[in-house]
Amino acid sequence: MTHVPLAALPAPVSSYLTTPKDQVGAILDELFTADAVVHDEGRSHVGLDAIRTWNGSVAAAFTFTRTILGATLPDNAAVVQVKLDGDFPGSPVVLHHHFSLAAGKISALTICP
């Protein structure tokens, strides 16, 4: 994975990764398309309301910090390797965040090991 500076990431990706998880809900409309899909832990969350609920449950359940380890920027996408350290089982863990972009916003996010 090629290291891409945080400043080189698309704005909604950078904002999603740097905004504290408990504050992301307030800016979801700025980051995600109305019909965006988030795939995490084997479940899909479709639309802003479902993504807001998913985000809120993660923010309430765990405290963690993110360290960006690397990223690639294929067309209309960003694949970011992130190390999460926190109070969740298995911490720390390295996850890949696959962002698809449309109209300057995140249209899909898949989080996987």
PDB file of N, CA and C in Angstrom:
ATOM      1  N   MET A   1       0.849  -1.175   0.000  1.00  0.00           N
ATOM      2  CA  MET A   1       0.000   0.000   0.000  1.00  0.00           C
ATOM      3  C   MET A   1       0.896   1.240   0.000  1.00  0.00           C
ATOM      4  N   THR A   2       0.645   2.151  -0.896  1.00  0.00           N
ATOM      5  CA  THR A   2       1.429   3.371  -1.022  1.00  0.00           C
ATOM      6  C   THR A   2       0.937   4.398  -0.018  1.00  0.00           C
ATOM      7  N   HIS A   3       1.866   4.990   0.694  1.00  0.00           N
ATOM      8  CA  HIS A   3       1.479   6.022   1.653  1.00  0.00           C
ATOM      9  C   HIS A   3       1.046   7.282   0.905  1.00  0.00           C
ATOM     10  N   VAL A   4      -0.148   7.724   1.197  1.00  0.00           N
ATOM     11  CA  VAL A   4      -0.670   8.965   0.645  1.00  0.00           C
ATOM     12  C   VAL A   4      -0.880   9.902   1.830  1.00  0.00           C
ATOM     13  N   PRO A   5      -0.333  11.097   1.801  1.00  0.00           N
ATOM     14  CA  PRO A   5      -0.531  12.008   2.929  1.00  0.00           C
ATOM     15  C   PRO A   5      -2.020  12.282   3.164  1.00  0.00           C
ATOM     16  N   LEU A   6      -2.383  12.502   4.410  1.00  0.00           N
ATOM     17  CA  LEU A   6      -3.777  12.785   4.757  1.00  0.00           C
ATOM     18  C   LEU A   6      -4.338  13.907   3.892  1.00  0.00           C
ATOM     19  N   ALA A   7      -3.536  14.901   3.605  1.00  0.00           N
ATOM     20  CA  ALA A   7      -3.992  16.036   2.790  1.00  0.00           C
ATOM     21  C   ALA A   7      -4.359  15.616   1.372  1.00  0.00           C
ATOM     22  N   ALA A   8      -3.832  14.476   0.891  1.00  0.00           N
ATOM     23  CA  ALA A   8      -4.124  14.021  -0.470  1.00  0.00           C
ATOM     24  C   ALA A   8      -5.405  13.200  -0.545  1.00  0.00           C
ATOM     25  N   LEU A   9      -5.946  12.785   0.598  1.00  0.00           N
ATOM     26  CA  LEU A   9      -7.196  12.021   0.586  1.00  0.00           C
ATOM     27  C   LEU A   9      -8.356  12.937   0.191  1.00  0.00           C
ATOM     28  N   PRO A  10      -9.370  12.392  -0.485  1.00  0.00           N
ATOM     29  CA  PRO A  10     -10.550  13.201  -0.797  1.00  0.00           C
ATOM     30  C   PRO A  10     -11.145  13.781   0.489  1.00  0.00           C
ATOM     31  N   ALA A  11     -11.656  14.990   0.420  1.00  0.00           N
ATOM     32  CA  ALA A  11     -12.138  15.703   1.610  1.00  0.00           C
ATOM     33  C   ALA A  11     -13.124  14.897   2.464  1.00  0.00           C
ATOM     34  N   PRO A  12     -14.144  14.242   1.877  1.00  0.00           N
ATOM     35  CA  PRO A  12     -15.069  13.512   2.758  1.00  0.00           C
ATOM     36  C   PRO A  12     -14.402  12.326   3.459  1.00  0.00           C
ATOM     37  N   VAL A  13     -13.435  11.697   2.819  1.00  0.00           N
ATOM     38  CA  VAL A  13     -12.710  10.576   3.428  1.00  0.00           C
ATOM     39  C   VAL A  13     -11.861  11.091   4.582  1.00  0.00           C
ATOM     40  N   SER A  14     -11.120  12.152   4.336  1.00  0.00           N
ATOM     41  CA  SER A  14     -10.294  12.748   5.374  1.00  0.00           C
ATOM     42  C   SER A  14     -11.147  13.179   6.570  1.00  0.00           C
ATOM     43  N   SER A  15     -12.263  13.838   6.301  1.00  0.00           N
ATOM     44  CA  SER A  15     -13.139  14.292   7.389  1.00  0.00           C
ATOM     45  C   SER A  15     -13.697  13.114   8.172  1.00  0.00           C
ATOM     46  N   TYR A  16     -14.134  12.066   7.471  1.00  0.00           N
ATOM     47  CA  TYR A  16     -14.668  10.886   8.154  1.00  0.00           C
ATOM     48  C   TYR A  16     -13.608  10.279   9.075  1.00  0.00           C
ATOM     49  N   LEU A  17     -12.383  10.168   8.601  1.00  0.00           N
ATOM     50  CA  LEU A  17     -11.330   9.511   9.376  1.00  0.00           C
ATOM     51  C   LEU A  17     -10.772  10.361  10.510  1.00  0.00           C
ATOM     52  N   THR A  18     -10.876  11.680  10.408  1.00  0.00           N
ATOM     53  CA  THR A  18     -10.287  12.548  11.437  1.00  0.00           C
ATOM     54  C   THR A  18     -11.301  13.120  12.417  1.00  0.00           C
ATOM     55  N   THR A  19     -12.572  13.069  12.093  1.00  0.00           N
ATOM     56  CA  THR A  19     -13.592  13.571  13.009  1.00  0.00           C
ATOM     57  C   THR A  19     -13.841  12.529  14.101  1.00  0.00           C
ATOM     58  N   PRO A  20     -13.868  12.943  15.371  1.00  0.00           N
ATOM     59  CA  PRO A  20     -14.171  11.973  16.426  1.00  0.00           C
ATOM     60  C   PRO A  20     -15.495  11.252  16.131  1.00  0.00           C
ATOM     61  N   LYS A  21     -15.500   9.932  16.362  1.00  0.00           N
ATOM     62  CA  LYS A  21     -16.646   9.086  15.990  1.00  0.00           C
ATOM     63  C   LYS A  21     -17.963   9.620  16.553  1.00  0.00           C
ATOM     64  N   ASP A  22     -17.945  10.175  17.759  1.00  0.00           N
ATOM     65  CA  ASP A  22     -19.186  10.677  18.347  1.00  0.00           C
ATOM     66  C   ASP A  22     -19.635  12.006  17.731  1.00  0.00           C
ATOM     67  N   GLN A  23     -18.835  12.569  16.832  1.00  0.00           N
ATOM     68  CA  GLN A  23     -19.204  13.818  16.163  1.00  0.00           C
ATOM     69  C   GLN A  23     -19.526  13.630  14.683  1.00  0.00           C
ATOM     70  N   VAL A  24     -19.262  12.438  14.155  1.00  0.00           N
ATOM     71  CA  VAL A  24     -19.509  12.177  12.736  1.00  0.00           C
ATOM     72  C   VAL A  24     -20.990  12.286  12.399  1.00  0.00           C
ATOM     73  N   GLY A  25     -21.860  11.835  13.303  1.00  0.00           N
ATOM     74  CA  GLY A  25     -23.304  11.883  13.046  1.00  0.00           C
ATOM     75  C   GLY A  25     -23.796  13.271  12.666  1.00  0.00           C
ATOM     76  N   ALA A  26     -23.201  14.295  13.241  1.00  0.00           N
ATOM     77  CA  ALA A  26     -23.625  15.664  12.975  1.00  0.00           C
ATOM     78  C   ALA A  26     -23.257  16.141  11.574  1.00  0.00           C
ATOM     79  N   ILE A  27     -22.277  15.479  10.930  1.00  0.00           N
ATOM     80  CA  ILE A  27     -21.834  15.930   9.609  1.00  0.00           C
ATOM     81  C   ILE A  27     -22.056  14.870   8.528  1.00  0.00           C
ATOM     82  N   LEU A  28     -22.823  13.828   8.821  1.00  0.00           N
ATOM     83  CA  LEU A  28     -23.039  12.761   7.839  1.00  0.00           C
ATOM     84  C   LEU A  28     -23.570  13.279   6.514  1.00  0.00           C
ATOM     85  N   ASP A  29     -24.481  14.253   6.555  1.00  0.00           N
ATOM     86  CA  ASP A  29     -25.059  14.799   5.318  1.00  0.00           C
ATOM     87  C   ASP A  29     -23.988  15.428   4.425  1.00  0.00           C
ATOM     88  N   GLU A  30     -22.922  15.933   5.030  1.00  0.00           N
ATOM     89  CA  GLU A  30     -21.831  16.546   4.270  1.00  0.00           C
ATOM     90  C   GLU A  30     -20.882  15.492   3.694  1.00  0.00           C
ATOM     91  N   LEU A  31     -20.816  14.315   4.332  1.00  0.00           N
ATOM     92  CA  LEU A  31     -19.838  13.302   3.961  1.00  0.00           C
ATOM     93  C   LEU A  31     -20.378  12.240   3.015  1.00  0.00           C
ATOM     94  N   PHE A  32     -21.638  11.819   3.211  1.00  0.00           N
ATOM     95  CA  PHE A  32     -22.220  10.680   2.498  1.00  0.00           C
ATOM     96  C   PHE A  32     -23.350  11.122   1.575  1.00  0.00           C
ATOM     97  N   THR A  33     -23.491  10.415   0.445  1.00  0.00           N
ATOM     98  CA  THR A  33     -24.640  10.637  -0.426  1.00  0.00           C
ATOM     99  C   THR A  33     -25.896  10.133   0.296  1.00  0.00           C
ATOM    100  N   ALA A  34     -27.057  10.595  -0.115  1.00  0.00           N
ATOM    101  CA  ALA A  34     -28.311  10.216   0.545  1.00  0.00           C
ATOM    102  C   ALA A  34     -28.563   8.717   0.499  1.00  0.00           C
ATOM    103  N   ASP A  35     -28.093   8.056  -0.553  1.00  0.00           N
ATOM    104  CA  ASP A  35     -28.331   6.617  -0.713  1.00  0.00           C
ATOM    105  C   ASP A  35     -27.079   5.785  -0.444  1.00  0.00           C
ATOM    106  N   ALA A  36     -26.145   6.329   0.304  1.00  0.00           N
ATOM    107  CA  ALA A  36     -24.886   5.642   0.593  1.00  0.00           C
ATOM    108  C   ALA A  36     -25.132   4.331   1.335  1.00  0.00           C
ATOM    109  N   VAL A  37     -24.147   3.437   1.209  1.00  0.00           N
ATOM    110  CA  VAL A  37     -24.194   2.134   1.869  1.00  0.00           C
ATOM    111  C   VAL A  37     -22.913   1.941   2.660  1.00  0.00           C
ATOM    112  N   VAL A  38     -23.057   1.510   3.908  1.00  0.00           N
ATOM    113  CA  VAL A  38     -21.901   1.133   4.722  1.00  0.00           C
ATOM    114  C   VAL A  38     -22.003  -0.356   5.001  1.00  0.00           C
ATOM    115  N   HIS A  39     -20.923  -1.081   4.705  1.00  0.00           N
ATOM    116  CA  HIS A  39     -20.824  -2.517   4.995  1.00  0.00           C
ATOM    117  C   HIS A  39     -19.811  -2.667   6.126  1.00  0.00           C
ATOM    118  N   ASP A  40     -20.255  -3.207   7.262  1.00  0.00           N
ATOM    119  CA  ASP A  40     -19.368  -3.389   8.404  1.00  0.00           C
ATOM    120  C   ASP A  40     -19.837  -4.594   9.212  1.00  0.00           C
ATOM    121  N   GLU A  41     -18.902  -5.431   9.590  1.00  0.00           N
ATOM    122  CA  GLU A  41     -19.177  -6.608  10.416  1.00  0.00           C
ATOM    123  C   GLU A  41     -20.307  -7.466   9.845  1.00  0.00           C
ATOM    124  N   GLY A  42     -20.285  -7.651   8.523  1.00  0.00           N
ATOM    125  CA  GLY A  42     -21.253  -8.527   7.870  1.00  0.00           C
ATOM    126  C   GLY A  42     -22.649  -7.950   7.699  1.00  0.00           C
ATOM    127  N   ARG A  43     -22.817  -6.672   7.986  1.00  0.00           N
ATOM    128  CA  ARG A  43     -24.138  -6.050   7.831  1.00  0.00           C
ATOM    129  C   ARG A  43     -24.034  -4.827   6.932  1.00  0.00           C
ATOM    130  N   SER A  44     -25.133  -4.534   6.256  1.00  0.00           N
ATOM    131  CA  SER A  44     -25.200  -3.363   5.382  1.00  0.00           C
ATOM    132  C   SER A  44     -26.151  -2.338   5.985  1.00  0.00           C
ATOM    133  N   HIS A  45     -25.749  -1.087   5.917  1.00  0.00           N
ATOM    134  CA  HIS A  45     -26.536   0.030   6.433  1.00  0.00           C
ATOM    135  C   HIS A  45     -26.756   0.974   5.249  1.00  0.00           C
ATOM    136  N   VAL A  46     -28.002   1.105   4.805  1.00  0.00           N
ATOM    137  CA  VAL A  46     -28.317   1.828   3.580  1.00  0.00           C
ATOM    138  C   VAL A  46     -29.051   3.125   3.906  1.00  0.00           C
ATOM    139  N   GLY A  47     -28.541   4.226   3.398  1.00  0.00           N
ATOM    140  CA  GLY A  47     -29.166   5.529   3.600  1.00  0.00           C
ATOM    141  C   GLY A  47     -28.630   6.232   4.840  1.00  0.00           C
ATOM    142  N   LEU A  48     -28.811   7.540   4.866  1.00  0.00           N
ATOM    143  CA  LEU A  48     -28.243   8.348   5.947  1.00  0.00           C
ATOM    144  C   LEU A  48     -28.777   7.979   7.322  1.00  0.00           C
ATOM    145  N   ASP A  49     -30.074   7.688   7.433  1.00  0.00           N
ATOM    146  CA  ASP A  49     -30.625   7.338   8.746  1.00  0.00           C
ATOM    147  C   ASP A  49     -29.999   6.057   9.284  1.00  0.00           C
ATOM    148  N   ALA A  50     -29.868   5.049   8.434  1.00  0.00           N
ATOM    149  CA  ALA A  50     -29.272   3.783   8.865  1.00  0.00           C
ATOM    150  C   ALA A  50     -27.788   3.971   9.196  1.00  0.00           C
ATOM    151  N   ILE A  51     -27.087   4.773   8.416  1.00  0.00           N
ATOM    152  CA  ILE A  51     -25.671   5.025   8.678  1.00  0.00           C
ATOM    153  C   ILE A  51     -25.521   5.804   9.978  1.00  0.00           C
ATOM    154  N   ARG A  52     -26.398   6.750  10.221  1.00  0.00           N
ATOM    155  CA  ARG A  52     -26.359   7.526  11.465  1.00  0.00           C
ATOM    156  C   ARG A  52     -26.571   6.600  12.667  1.00  0.00           C
ATOM    157  N   THR A  53     -27.514   5.660  12.551  1.00  0.00           N
ATOM    158  CA  THR A  53     -27.763   4.706  13.639  1.00  0.00           C
ATOM    159  C   THR A  53     -26.541   3.818  13.865  1.00  0.00           C
ATOM    160  N   TRP A  54     -25.984   3.285  12.777  1.00  0.00           N
ATOM    161  CA  TRP A  54     -24.775   2.454  12.872  1.00  0.00           C
ATOM    162  C   TRP A  54     -23.643   3.228  13.532  1.00  0.00           C
ATOM    163  N   ASN A  55     -23.380   4.435  13.056  1.00  0.00           N
ATOM    164  CA  ASN A  55     -22.303   5.249  13.602  1.00  0.00           C
ATOM    165  C   ASN A  55     -22.522   5.527  15.087  1.00  0.00           C
ATOM    166  N   GLY A  56     -23.738   5.848  15.457  1.00  0.00           N
ATOM    167  CA  GLY A  56     -24.046   6.134  16.861  1.00  0.00           C
ATOM    168  C   GLY A  56     -23.827   4.927  17.756  1.00  0.00           C
ATOM    169  N   SER A  57     -24.171   3.744  17.259  1.00  0.00           N
ATOM    170  CA  SER A  57     -23.986   2.538  18.074  1.00  0.00           C
ATOM    171  C   SER A  57     -22.505   2.227  18.256  1.00  0.00           C
ATOM    172  N   VAL A  58     -21.697   2.440  17.219  1.00  0.00           N
ATOM    173  CA  VAL A  58     -20.254   2.220  17.337  1.00  0.00           C
ATOM    174  C   VAL A  58     -19.652   3.244  18.297  1.00  0.00           C
ATOM    175  N   ALA A  59     -20.064   4.500  18.176  1.00  0.00           N
ATOM    176  CA  ALA A  59     -19.528   5.555  19.033  1.00  0.00           C
ATOM    177  C   ALA A  59     -19.881   5.312  20.495  1.00  0.00           C
ATOM    178  N   ALA A  60     -21.091   4.787  20.747  1.00  0.00           N
ATOM    179  CA  ALA A  60     -21.519   4.531  22.126  1.00  0.00           C
ATOM    180  C   ALA A  60     -20.853   3.297  22.719  1.00  0.00           C
ATOM    181  N   ALA A  61     -20.541   2.326  21.871  1.00  0.00           N
ATOM    182  CA  ALA A  61     -20.030   1.045  22.371  1.00  0.00           C
ATOM    183  C   ALA A  61     -18.540   1.070  22.696  1.00  0.00           C
ATOM    184  N   PHE A  62     -17.750   1.811  21.924  1.00  0.00           N
ATOM    185  CA  PHE A  62     -16.303   1.731  22.061  1.00  0.00           C
ATOM    186  C   PHE A  62     -15.641   3.101  21.977  1.00  0.00           C
ATOM    187  N   THR A  63     -14.501   3.197  22.640  1.00  0.00           N
ATOM    188  CA  THR A  63     -13.623   4.349  22.504  1.00  0.00           C
ATOM    189  C   THR A  63     -12.389   3.865  21.768  1.00  0.00           C
ATOM    190  N   PHE A  64     -11.962   4.597  20.734  1.00  0.00           N
ATOM    191  CA  PHE A  64     -10.791   4.174  19.985  1.00  0.00           C
ATOM    192  C   PHE A  64     -10.137   5.359  19.299  1.00  0.00           C
ATOM    193  N   THR A  65      -8.889   5.152  18.934  1.00  0.00           N
ATOM    194  CA  THR A  65      -8.159   6.128  18.137  1.00  0.00           C
ATOM    195  C   THR A  65      -7.775   5.463  16.821  1.00  0.00           C
ATOM    196  N   ARG A  66      -7.641   6.277  15.800  1.00  0.00           N
ATOM    197  CA  ARG A  66      -7.268   5.785  14.471  1.00  0.00           C
ATOM    198  C   ARG A  66      -5.880   6.288  14.112  1.00  0.00           C
ATOM    199  N   THR A  67      -5.113   5.405  13.473  1.00  0.00           N
ATOM    200  CA  THR A  67      -3.839   5.786  12.888  1.00  0.00           C
ATOM    201  C   THR A  67      -3.862   5.326  11.435  1.00  0.00           C
ATOM    202  N   ILE A  68      -3.727   6.257  10.525  1.00  0.00           N
ATOM    203  CA  ILE A  68      -3.716   5.905   9.105  1.00  0.00           C
ATOM    204  C   ILE A  68      -2.341   5.350   8.767  1.00  0.00           C
ATOM    205  N   LEU A  69      -2.330   4.106   8.265  1.00  0.00           N
ATOM    206  CA  LEU A  69      -1.079   3.428   7.941  1.00  0.00           C
ATOM    207  C   LEU A  69      -0.694   3.593   6.476  1.00  0.00           C
ATOM    208  N   GLY A  70      -1.664   3.765   5.606  1.00  0.00           N
ATOM    209  CA  GLY A  70      -1.387   3.918   4.191  1.00  0.00           C
ATOM    210  C   GLY A  70      -2.678   4.013   3.417  1.00  0.00           C
ATOM    211  N   ALA A  71      -2.556   4.403   2.167  1.00  0.00           N
ATOM    212  CA  ALA A  71      -3.751   4.564   1.334  1.00  0.00           C
ATOM    213  C   ALA A  71      -3.377   4.502  -0.134  1.00  0.00           C
ATOM    214  N   THR A  72      -4.339   4.080  -0.923  1.00  0.00           N
ATOM    215  CA  THR A  72      -4.238   4.171  -2.373  1.00  0.00           C
ATOM    216  C   THR A  72      -5.462   4.923  -2.853  1.00  0.00           C
ATOM    217  N   LEU A  73      -5.322   5.541  -4.013  1.00  0.00           N
ATOM    218  CA  LEU A  73      -6.403   6.362  -4.553  1.00  0.00           C
ATOM    219  C   LEU A  73      -6.740   5.940  -5.980  1.00  0.00           C
ATOM    220  N   PRO A  74      -7.419   4.797  -6.149  1.00  0.00           N
ATOM    221  CA  PRO A  74      -7.893   4.458  -7.496  1.00  0.00           C
ATOM    222  C   PRO A  74      -8.988   5.445  -7.908  1.00  0.00           C
ATOM    223  N   ASP A  75      -9.386   5.416  -9.174  1.00  0.00           N
ATOM    224  CA  ASP A  75     -10.407   6.347  -9.670  1.00  0.00           C
ATOM    225  C   ASP A  75     -11.673   6.296  -8.825  1.00  0.00           C
ATOM    226  N   ASN A  76     -12.143   7.468  -8.417  1.00  0.00           N
ATOM    227  CA  ASN A  76     -13.391   7.620  -7.666  1.00  0.00           C
ATOM    228  C   ASN A  76     -13.456   6.741  -6.427  1.00  0.00           C
ATOM    229  N   ALA A  77     -12.293   6.525  -5.791  1.00  0.00           N
ATOM    230  CA  ALA A  77     -12.252   5.678  -4.610  1.00  0.00           C
ATOM    231  C   ALA A  77     -11.025   6.005  -3.770  1.00  0.00           C
ATOM    232  N   ALA A  78     -11.042   5.486  -2.556  1.00  0.00           N
ATOM    233  CA  ALA A  78      -9.884   5.541  -1.673  1.00  0.00           C
ATOM    234  C   ALA A  78      -9.904   4.266  -0.846  1.00  0.00           C
ATOM    235  N   VAL A  79      -8.759   3.618  -0.754  1.00  0.00           N
ATOM    236  CA  VAL A  79      -8.612   2.436   0.084  1.00  0.00           C
ATOM    237  C   VAL A  79      -7.592   2.816   1.148  1.00  0.00           C
ATOM    238  N   VAL A  80      -8.043   2.836   2.403  1.00  0.00           N
ATOM    239  CA  VAL A  80      -7.213   3.342   3.485  1.00  0.00           C
ATOM    240  C   VAL A  80      -7.028   2.246   4.529  1.00  0.00           C
ATOM    241  N   GLN A  81      -5.781   1.973   4.863  1.00  0.00           N
ATOM    242  CA  GLN A  81      -5.463   1.012   5.909  1.00  0.00           C
ATOM    243  C   GLN A  81      -5.355   1.794   7.213  1.00  0.00           C
ATOM    244  N   VAL A  82      -6.147   1.366   8.216  1.00  0.00           N
ATOM    245  CA  VAL A  82      -6.251   2.107   9.467  1.00  0.00           C
ATOM    246  C   VAL A  82      -6.021   1.163  10.643  1.00  0.00           C
ATOM    247  N   LYS A  83      -5.184   1.595  11.572  1.00  0.00           N
ATOM    248  CA  LYS A  83      -4.999   0.859  12.825  1.00  0.00           C
ATOM    249  C   LYS A  83      -5.914   1.485  13.869  1.00  0.00           C
ATOM    250  N   LEU A  84      -6.747   0.646  14.499  1.00  0.00           N
ATOM    251  CA  LEU A  84      -7.631   1.104  15.565  1.00  0.00           C
ATOM    252  C   LEU A  84      -7.112   0.563  16.890  1.00  0.00           C
ATOM    253  N   ASP A  85      -6.923   1.453  17.844  1.00  0.00           N
ATOM    254  CA  ASP A  85      -6.550   1.103  19.212  1.00  0.00           C
ATOM    255  C   ASP A  85      -7.679   1.569  20.115  1.00  0.00           C
ATOM    256  N   GLY A  86      -8.182   0.659  20.966  1.00  0.00           N
ATOM    257  CA  GLY A  86      -9.264   1.090  21.845  1.00  0.00           C
ATOM    258  C   GLY A  86      -9.659   0.045  22.856  1.00  0.00           C
ATOM    259  N   ASP A  87     -10.857   0.236  23.390  1.00  0.00           N
ATOM    260  CA  ASP A  87     -11.370  -0.625  24.452  1.00  0.00           C
ATOM    261  C   ASP A  87     -12.321  -1.693  23.916  1.00  0.00           C
ATOM    262  N   PHE A  88     -12.033  -2.216  22.750  1.00  0.00           N
ATOM    263  CA  PHE A  88     -12.864  -3.250  22.145  1.00  0.00           C
ATOM    264  C   PHE A  88     -12.090  -4.564  22.098  1.00  0.00           C
ATOM    265  N   PRO A  89     -12.795  -5.693  22.066  1.00  0.00           N
ATOM    266  CA  PRO A  89     -12.108  -6.991  22.010  1.00  0.00           C
ATOM    267  C   PRO A  89     -11.212  -7.083  20.780  1.00  0.00           C
ATOM    268  N   GLY A  90      -9.993  -7.590  20.979  1.00  0.00           N
ATOM    269  CA  GLY A  90      -9.063  -7.766  19.868  1.00  0.00           C
ATOM    270  C   GLY A  90      -8.210  -6.556  19.564  1.00  0.00           C
ATOM    271  N   SER A  91      -8.365  -5.471  20.321  1.00  0.00           N
ATOM    272  CA  SER A  91      -7.577  -4.260  20.080  1.00  0.00           C
ATOM    273  C   SER A  91      -6.104  -4.539  20.337  1.00  0.00           C
ATOM    274  N   PRO A  92      -5.224  -3.972  19.518  1.00  0.00           N
ATOM    275  CA  PRO A  92      -5.490  -3.164  18.332  1.00  0.00           C
ATOM    276  C   PRO A  92      -5.788  -4.054  17.129  1.00  0.00           C
ATOM    277  N   VAL A  93      -6.379  -3.445  16.118  1.00  0.00           N
ATOM    278  CA  VAL A  93      -6.713  -4.160  14.890  1.00  0.00           C
ATOM    279  C   VAL A  93      -6.415  -3.244  13.699  1.00  0.00           C
ATOM    280  N   VAL A  94      -6.009  -3.860  12.592  1.00  0.00           N
ATOM    281  CA  VAL A  94      -5.788  -3.105  11.357  1.00  0.00           C
ATOM    282  C   VAL A  94      -6.934  -3.443  10.408  1.00  0.00           C
ATOM    283  N   LEU A  95      -7.626  -2.424   9.957  1.00  0.00           N
ATOM    284  CA  LEU A  95      -8.762  -2.597   9.057  1.00  0.00           C
ATOM    285  C   LEU A  95      -8.537  -1.810   7.773  1.00  0.00           C
ATOM    286  N   HIS A  96      -9.138  -2.305   6.702  1.00  0.00           N
ATOM    287  CA  HIS A  96      -9.134  -1.596   5.426  1.00  0.00           C
ATOM    288  C   HIS A  96     -10.495  -0.925   5.258  1.00  0.00           C
ATOM    289  N   HIS A  97     -10.462   0.341   4.937  1.00  0.00           N
ATOM    290  CA  HIS A  97     -11.673   1.116   4.668  1.00  0.00           C
ATOM    291  C   HIS A  97     -11.698   1.386   3.166  1.00  0.00           C
ATOM    292  N   HIS A  98     -12.659   0.801   2.469  1.00  0.00           N
ATOM    293  CA  HIS A  98     -12.812   0.985   1.026  1.00  0.00           C
ATOM    294  C   HIS A  98     -13.924   2.014   0.796  1.00  0.00           C
ATOM    295  N   PHE A  99     -13.554   3.180   0.352  1.00  0.00           N
ATOM    296  CA  PHE A  99     -14.501   4.266   0.092  1.00  0.00           C
ATOM    297  C   PHE A  99     -14.744   4.377  -1.405  1.00  0.00           C
ATOM    298  N   SER A 100     -16.011   4.404  -1.808  1.00  0.00           N
ATOM    299  CA  SER A 100     -16.386   4.756  -3.182  1.00  0.00           C
ATOM    300  C   SER A 100     -16.943   6.163  -3.126  1.00  0.00           C
ATOM    301  N   LEU A 101     -16.626   6.950  -4.145  1.00  0.00           N
ATOM    302  CA  LEU A 101     -17.015   8.360  -4.151  1.00  0.00           C
ATOM    303  C   LEU A 101     -17.893   8.680  -5.350  1.00  0.00           C
ATOM    304  N   ALA A 102     -18.863   9.555  -5.127  1.00  0.00           N
ATOM    305  CA  ALA A 102     -19.735  10.046  -6.194  1.00  0.00           C
ATOM    306  C   ALA A 102     -20.172  11.459  -5.830  1.00  0.00           C
ATOM    307  N   ALA A 103     -20.119  12.342  -6.780  1.00  0.00           N
ATOM    308  CA  ALA A 103     -20.573  13.722  -6.579  1.00  0.00           C
ATOM    309  C   ALA A 103     -19.909  14.377  -5.373  1.00  0.00           C
ATOM    310  N   GLY A 104     -18.633  14.058  -5.146  1.00  0.00           N
ATOM    311  CA  GLY A 104     -17.885  14.688  -4.066  1.00  0.00           C
ATOM    312  C   GLY A 104     -18.202  14.171  -2.680  1.00  0.00           C
ATOM    313  N   LYS A 105     -18.915  13.047  -2.607  1.00  0.00           N
ATOM    314  CA  LYS A 105     -19.266  12.468  -1.303  1.00  0.00           C
ATOM    315  C   LYS A 105     -19.000  10.967  -1.319  1.00  0.00           C
ATOM    316  N   ILE A 106     -19.052  10.368  -0.141  1.00  0.00           N
ATOM    317  CA  ILE A 106     -18.888   8.918  -0.012  1.00  0.00           C
ATOM    318  C   ILE A 106     -20.195   8.252  -0.399  1.00  0.00           C
ATOM    319  N   SER A 107     -20.150   7.377  -1.397  1.00  0.00           N
ATOM    320  CA  SER A 107     -21.361   6.654  -1.805  1.00  0.00           C
ATOM    321  C   SER A 107     -21.387   5.237  -1.225  1.00  0.00           C
ATOM    322  N   ALA A 108     -20.211   4.728  -0.845  1.00  0.00           N
ATOM    323  CA  ALA A 108     -20.148   3.415  -0.208  1.00  0.00           C
ATOM    324  C   ALA A 108     -18.882   3.344   0.638  1.00  0.00           C
ATOM    325  N   LEU A 109     -18.997   2.636   1.752  1.00  0.00           N
ATOM    326  CA  LEU A 109     -17.862   2.384   2.629  1.00  0.00           C
ATOM    327  C   LEU A 109     -17.937   0.922   3.059  1.00  0.00           C
ATOM    328  N   THR A 110     -16.878   0.180   2.793  1.00  0.00           N
ATOM    329  CA  THR A 110     -16.775  -1.199   3.261  1.00  0.00           C
ATOM    330  C   THR A 110     -15.574  -1.274   4.192  1.00  0.00           C
ATOM    331  N   ILE A 111     -15.820  -1.777   5.400  1.00  0.00           N
ATOM    332  CA  ILE A 111     -14.764  -1.913   6.396  1.00  0.00           C
ATOM    333  C   ILE A 111     -14.498  -3.395   6.593  1.00  0.00           C
ATOM    334  N   CYS A 112     -13.233  -3.811   6.402  1.00  0.00           N
ATOM    335  CA  CYS A 112     -12.908  -5.233   6.516  1.00  0.00           C
ATOM    336  C   CYS A 112     -11.471  -5.398   7.013  1.00  0.00           C
ATOM    337  N   PRO A 113     -11.171  -6.592   7.546  1.00  0.00           N
ATOM    338  CA  PRO A 113      -9.788  -6.841   8.010  1.00  0.00           C
ATOM    339  C   PRO A 113      -8.805  -6.872   6.847  1.00  0.00           C
TER     340      PRO A 113
END
